[in-house]
Amino acid sequence: NGIEKVLFWFRGDYYNDGAHPAASLIEVNGKLYGTTYSGGFFENYGTVFQISLRGNEKVLHSFGIYSDGGNPLANLINVHGTLYGTTPYGGEGGSSEPFAWGTVFRITTTGTEQVLYAFNRSDGYYPAAGLIKVGGILYGTTEGGGAYGGSYGDGTAFSITTTGSLTTLHSFGSGSDGVSPWAALLNVRGTLYGTTGGGGAYGKGTIFRMSLSGKEKVLHSFGYGTDGATPLAGMIDVNGTLYGTTSAGGTYGNGTVFALTLPR
């Protein structure tokens, strides 16, 4: 059996500390970095924090200034010593609403934060997943927004440079396409793979692939039988086979673990 040790207890409100970390940590030069969904100086909008392997924690940034991001759900990624992430809320995004439509941000390991891009709903809304890097460009998804699905949209896949130039690669929700991608993308030999929580031929979600330029194809639609439904998480690649989970469906209705073999 393993020996577990708590390194740090988040205290939340009134301590200017973070609260409710929802994402995994990353390690940079012997220190750990992560996000909390709430807490921080502004109490409800979340933080980016640093913590040593011994448990000494420091809040690097508290979200919540109006044009800043808010309530990060995803992990950070390290690009040449600078950390990049997403927030599902915050940013001006062309909206007067206080929660706006979400951001992509970057932050140094000493705590200097900058919003790289604020979504405006037509190009995406609610980026809940983390980013990945392929060849110097960052790629991600938004759960809503885009060209299809009414006023709030059915989601997008996007690319963004490390200086903040964003391109909407694909808008979900056209025909039997998937809708509402919640998870991060996966890079397999220069092709992106992902899941959508809904849509597809049977309305229960999809597995899709997409080129770096945005050409998308549904590889599998969930919901035909007991194959699963509503995949909310990303996938991993093991020797050319993708593995993932669905949050519902299957023989007993409580979700599945699936494998998808990629063409060679």
Protein backbone atom coordinates (compact mmCIF):
# COMPACT_ATOMS: atom_id res chain seq x y z
CA ASN A 1 0.00 0.00 0.00
CA GLY A 2 1.13 3.56 -0.70
CA ILE A 3 1.74 6.15 1.97
CA GLU A 4 -0.31 9.30 1.38
CA LYS A 5 0.60 12.68 2.82
CA VAL A 6 -1.34 15.93 2.56
CA LEU A 7 1.05 18.68 1.47
CA PHE A 8 -1.36 21.59 1.75
CA TRP A 9 -4.93 22.37 2.83
CA PHE A 10 -6.68 25.12 0.84
CA ARG A 11 -8.50 27.50 3.16
CA GLY A 12 -10.50 29.55 0.67
CA ASP A 13 -12.40 32.70 1.61
CA TYR A 14 -10.94 35.25 4.03
CA TYR A 15 -7.39 33.90 3.59
CA ASN A 16 -6.88 35.10 0.00
CA ASP A 17 -6.09 31.45 -0.71
CA GLY A 18 -7.46 29.27 -3.47
CA ALA A 19 -10.31 26.80 -3.11
CA HIS A 20 -11.61 23.79 -5.03
CA PRO A 21 -8.73 22.79 -7.35
CA ALA A 22 -10.27 20.85 -10.25
CA ALA A 23 -7.25 20.22 -12.50
CA SER A 24 -4.03 18.24 -12.39
CA LEU A 25 -0.67 19.75 -11.46
CA ILE A 26 2.39 20.30 -13.63
CA GLU A 27 6.03 20.38 -12.54
CA VAL A 28 8.46 23.09 -13.66
CA ASN A 29 12.01 23.16 -12.31
CA GLY A 30 11.19 21.26 -9.16
CA LYS A 31 8.02 23.18 -8.25
CA LEU A 32 4.38 22.33 -8.83
CA TYR A 33 1.87 24.66 -10.48
CA GLY A 34 -1.91 24.44 -10.61
CA THR A 35 -5.23 26.25 -10.63
CA THR A 36 -8.17 26.52 -8.27
CA TYR A 37 -11.71 27.08 -9.48
CA SER A 38 -12.58 29.53 -6.71
CA GLY A 39 -10.99 31.36 -3.80
CA GLY A 40 -8.23 33.93 -4.08
CA PHE A 41 -8.19 37.63 -3.29
CA PHE A 42 -11.53 38.13 -5.04
CA GLU A 43 -13.00 35.10 -3.22
CA ASN A 44 -14.99 33.47 -5.99
CA TYR A 45 -12.93 33.65 -9.18
CA GLY A 46 -10.01 31.28 -8.62
CA THR A 47 -6.24 31.33 -8.62
CA VAL A 48 -3.01 30.11 -10.13
CA PHE A 49 -0.74 28.77 -7.40
CA GLN A 50 2.77 27.42 -6.90
CA ILE A 51 3.65 24.78 -4.32
CA SER A 52 6.94 23.21 -3.38
CA LEU A 53 7.38 19.46 -3.04
CA ARG A 54 7.42 20.05 0.70
CA GLY A 55 4.07 21.83 0.66
CA ASN A 56 4.92 25.52 0.78
CA GLU A 57 2.18 27.19 -1.26
CA LYS A 58 2.06 30.63 -2.87
CA VAL A 59 -0.80 32.22 -4.82
CA LEU A 60 0.70 33.62 -8.01
CA HIS A 61 -2.46 35.21 -9.36
CA SER A 62 -6.03 35.79 -8.21
CA PHE A 63 -8.58 36.02 -11.01
CA GLY A 64 -11.48 38.39 -10.85
CA ILE A 65 -10.55 41.79 -12.27
CA TYR A 66 -13.30 42.56 -14.81
CA SER A 67 -11.28 41.99 -18.00
CA ASP A 68 -9.36 39.12 -16.41
CA GLY A 69 -10.31 35.47 -16.64
CA GLY A 70 -12.37 33.64 -14.04
CA ASN A 71 -12.83 30.18 -12.49
CA PRO A 72 -10.20 28.03 -14.24
CA LEU A 73 -11.12 24.34 -14.54
CA ALA A 74 -8.18 23.05 -16.57
CA ASN A 75 -4.52 22.28 -16.04
CA LEU A 76 -1.71 24.56 -17.14
CA ILE A 77 0.90 23.72 -19.78
CA ASN A 78 4.53 24.81 -19.81
CA VAL A 79 5.88 26.41 -22.97
CA HIS A 80 9.53 27.40 -22.58
CA GLY A 81 9.06 28.38 -18.95
CA THR A 82 5.80 30.30 -19.39
CA LEU A 83 2.52 28.72 -18.31
CA TYR A 84 -0.62 28.80 -20.47
CA GLY A 85 -4.20 28.00 -19.51
CA THR A 86 -7.89 28.68 -20.02
CA THR A 87 -10.74 30.09 -17.96
CA PRO A 88 -14.39 29.32 -18.83
CA TYR A 89 -15.49 32.74 -17.59
CA GLY A 90 -14.07 36.24 -17.61
CA GLY A 91 -12.53 38.40 -20.27
CA GLU A 92 -14.23 41.28 -21.97
CA GLY A 93 -15.05 39.29 -25.08
CA GLY A 94 -17.20 42.05 -26.53
CA SER A 95 -19.78 41.54 -23.79
CA SER A 96 -20.95 43.75 -20.94
CA GLU A 97 -21.83 40.70 -18.85
CA PRO A 98 -19.51 40.28 -15.85
CA PHE A 99 -18.80 36.61 -16.58
CA ALA A 100 -18.24 37.19 -20.31
CA TRP A 101 -17.23 34.19 -22.43
CA GLY A 102 -13.85 32.91 -21.22
CA THR A 103 -10.18 33.41 -21.93
CA VAL A 104 -6.83 31.98 -22.86
CA PHE A 105 -4.13 33.36 -20.55
CA ARG A 106 -0.46 33.07 -19.85
CA ILE A 107 1.44 33.56 -16.61
CA THR A 108 5.10 33.54 -15.68
CA THR A 109 6.34 31.34 -12.86
CA THR A 110 6.75 34.52 -10.81
CA GLY A 111 3.11 35.53 -11.26
CA THR A 112 2.85 38.03 -14.10
CA GLU A 113 -0.45 37.17 -15.81
CA GLN A 114 -1.81 38.33 -19.17
CA VAL A 115 -5.03 37.51 -21.00
CA LEU A 116 -3.99 36.41 -24.47
CA TYR A 117 -7.48 36.16 -25.89
CA ALA A 118 -11.01 36.88 -24.70
CA PHE A 119 -13.73 34.88 -26.46
CA ASN A 120 -16.76 36.69 -27.81
CA ARG A 121 -19.20 33.75 -28.17
CA SER A 122 -19.20 33.77 -31.97
CA ASP A 123 -15.69 32.28 -31.87
CA GLY A 124 -16.24 30.15 -28.77
CA TYR A 125 -17.66 30.17 -25.26
CA TYR A 126 -16.71 28.36 -22.03
CA PRO A 127 -13.27 26.86 -22.69
CA ALA A 128 -13.32 24.27 -19.89
CA ALA A 129 -10.45 22.10 -21.15
CA GLY A 130 -6.73 22.64 -21.13
CA LEU A 131 -4.51 23.39 -24.10
CA ILE A 132 -2.04 21.23 -25.98
CA LYS A 133 0.99 22.35 -28.01
CA VAL A 134 1.76 21.08 -31.49
CA GLY A 135 4.68 22.57 -33.35
CA GLY A 136 4.71 25.83 -31.43
CA ILE A 137 0.94 26.43 -31.74
CA LEU A 138 -1.60 25.86 -28.96
CA TYR A 139 -4.86 23.98 -29.61
CA GLY A 140 -8.03 23.78 -27.53
CA THR A 141 -11.80 23.46 -27.42
CA THR A 142 -14.75 25.48 -26.17
CA GLU A 143 -17.92 23.85 -24.88
CA GLY A 144 -20.17 26.46 -26.48
CA GLY A 145 -20.11 29.20 -29.05
CA GLY A 146 -19.32 28.99 -32.73
CA ALA A 147 -21.40 29.10 -35.88
CA TYR A 148 -24.08 26.51 -35.05
CA GLY A 149 -26.50 25.74 -32.24
CA GLY A 150 -28.35 28.98 -31.68
CA SER A 151 -27.37 31.93 -29.53
CA TYR A 152 -24.97 30.03 -27.27
CA GLY A 153 -23.53 27.68 -29.89
CA ASP A 154 -22.46 24.05 -29.90
CA GLY A 155 -18.75 24.52 -29.36
CA THR A 156 -15.54 24.98 -31.27
CA ALA A 157 -12.00 23.77 -31.76
CA PHE A 158 -9.39 26.50 -32.06
CA SER A 159 -5.71 27.23 -32.45
CA ILE A 160 -3.89 30.14 -30.87
CA THR A 161 -0.34 31.40 -31.07
CA THR A 162 1.67 32.15 -27.95
CA THR A 163 1.20 35.83 -28.76
CA GLY A 164 -2.60 35.61 -28.85
CA SER A 165 -3.66 35.22 -32.49
CA LEU A 166 -6.68 32.87 -32.46
CA THR A 167 -8.17 30.89 -35.33
CA THR A 168 -11.48 29.02 -35.06
CA LEU A 169 -10.70 25.71 -36.76
CA HIS A 170 -14.10 24.08 -36.51
CA SER A 171 -17.60 24.91 -35.27
CA PHE A 172 -19.47 21.87 -33.95
CA GLY A 173 -23.17 21.26 -34.46
CA SER A 174 -23.56 20.97 -38.23
CA GLY A 175 -25.68 17.97 -39.22
CA SER A 176 -24.70 14.78 -37.36
CA ASP A 177 -21.53 16.40 -36.08
CA GLY A 178 -20.77 16.28 -32.39
CA VAL A 179 -21.64 19.09 -29.98
CA SER A 180 -20.16 20.40 -26.74
CA PRO A 181 -16.53 19.25 -26.56
CA TRP A 182 -15.56 19.33 -22.87
CA ALA A 183 -12.14 17.69 -23.01
CA ALA A 184 -8.67 18.56 -24.22
CA LEU A 185 -7.52 17.42 -27.64
CA LEU A 186 -4.95 14.68 -28.22
CA ASN A 187 -2.14 14.90 -30.77
CA VAL A 188 -1.27 11.66 -32.55
CA ARG A 189 1.34 12.05 -35.26
CA GLY A 190 0.11 15.52 -36.21
CA THR A 191 -3.61 14.72 -36.20
CA LEU A 192 -5.90 15.90 -33.40
CA TYR A 193 -8.41 13.59 -31.71
CA GLY A 194 -11.16 14.47 -29.27
CA THR A 195 -14.61 13.75 -27.88
CA THR A 196 -17.89 15.63 -27.75
CA GLY A 197 -20.38 15.20 -24.93
CA GLY A 198 -23.40 15.29 -27.23
CA GLY A 199 -24.42 15.20 -30.85
CA GLY A 200 -23.47 12.65 -33.44
CA ALA A 201 -25.77 10.27 -35.27
CA TYR A 202 -27.57 9.19 -32.08
CA GLY A 203 -27.27 12.33 -29.97
CA LYS A 204 -25.03 10.79 -27.28
CA GLY A 205 -21.62 12.14 -28.23
CA THR A 206 -18.77 11.37 -30.59
CA ILE A 207 -15.11 10.60 -31.11
CA PHE A 208 -13.65 12.81 -33.83
CA ARG A 209 -10.41 13.52 -35.59
CA MET A 210 -9.29 16.83 -37.01
CA SER A 211 -6.37 18.07 -39.05
CA LEU A 212 -4.29 20.96 -37.79
CA SER A 213 -6.03 23.13 -40.37
CA GLY A 214 -9.50 22.20 -39.07
CA LYS A 215 -10.81 19.43 -41.34
CA GLU A 216 -12.98 17.32 -39.01
CA LYS A 217 -14.42 13.81 -39.27
CA VAL A 218 -16.58 11.87 -36.81
CA LEU A 219 -15.02 8.46 -36.18
CA HIS A 220 -17.69 7.08 -33.86
CA SER A 221 -21.13 8.16 -32.67
CA PHE A 222 -22.15 6.91 -29.24
CA GLY A 223 -25.65 5.75 -28.37
CA TYR A 224 -26.41 3.08 -30.97
CA GLY A 225 -26.51 0.33 -28.35
CA THR A 226 -24.56 -0.29 -25.15
CA ASP A 227 -21.35 1.35 -26.40
CA GLY A 228 -21.56 4.28 -24.00
CA ALA A 229 -22.86 7.83 -23.95
CA THR A 230 -21.74 11.35 -23.10
CA PRO A 231 -17.92 11.22 -23.14
CA LEU A 232 -16.70 14.19 -21.10
CA ALA A 233 -13.00 13.32 -20.81
CA GLY A 234 -10.11 13.24 -23.20
CA MET A 235 -8.36 10.13 -24.51
CA ILE A 236 -4.88 8.62 -24.39
CA ASP A 237 -2.91 6.94 -27.17
CA VAL A 238 -1.33 3.53 -26.48
CA ASN A 239 0.52 2.18 -29.52
CA GLY A 240 -2.01 3.47 -32.01
CA THR A 241 -5.13 2.65 -30.02
CA LEU A 242 -7.11 5.38 -28.27
CA TYR A 243 -8.56 4.69 -24.85
CA GLY A 244 -11.19 6.74 -23.06
CA THR A 245 -14.35 6.75 -20.97
CA THR A 246 -17.99 7.70 -21.28
CA SER A 247 -19.82 9.12 -18.29
CA ALA A 248 -23.06 7.27 -19.08
CA GLY A 249 -24.44 4.46 -21.21
CA GLY A 250 -23.16 0.91 -21.44
CA THR A 251 -24.88 -2.28 -20.35
CA TYR A 252 -25.77 -0.91 -16.92
CA GLY A 253 -26.17 2.74 -17.84
CA ASN A 254 -23.30 3.93 -15.64
CA GLY A 255 -20.60 4.54 -18.23
CA THR A 256 -17.95 2.63 -20.12
CA VAL A 257 -14.26 2.34 -20.87
CA PHE A 258 -13.66 2.09 -24.61
CA ALA A 259 -10.87 1.50 -27.12
CA LEU A 260 -10.71 2.84 -30.67
CA THR A 261 -8.11 1.47 -33.07
CA LEU A 262 -6.67 4.06 -35.42
CA PRO A 263 -5.95 3.25 -39.05
CA ARG A 264 -2.28 2.77 -39.77
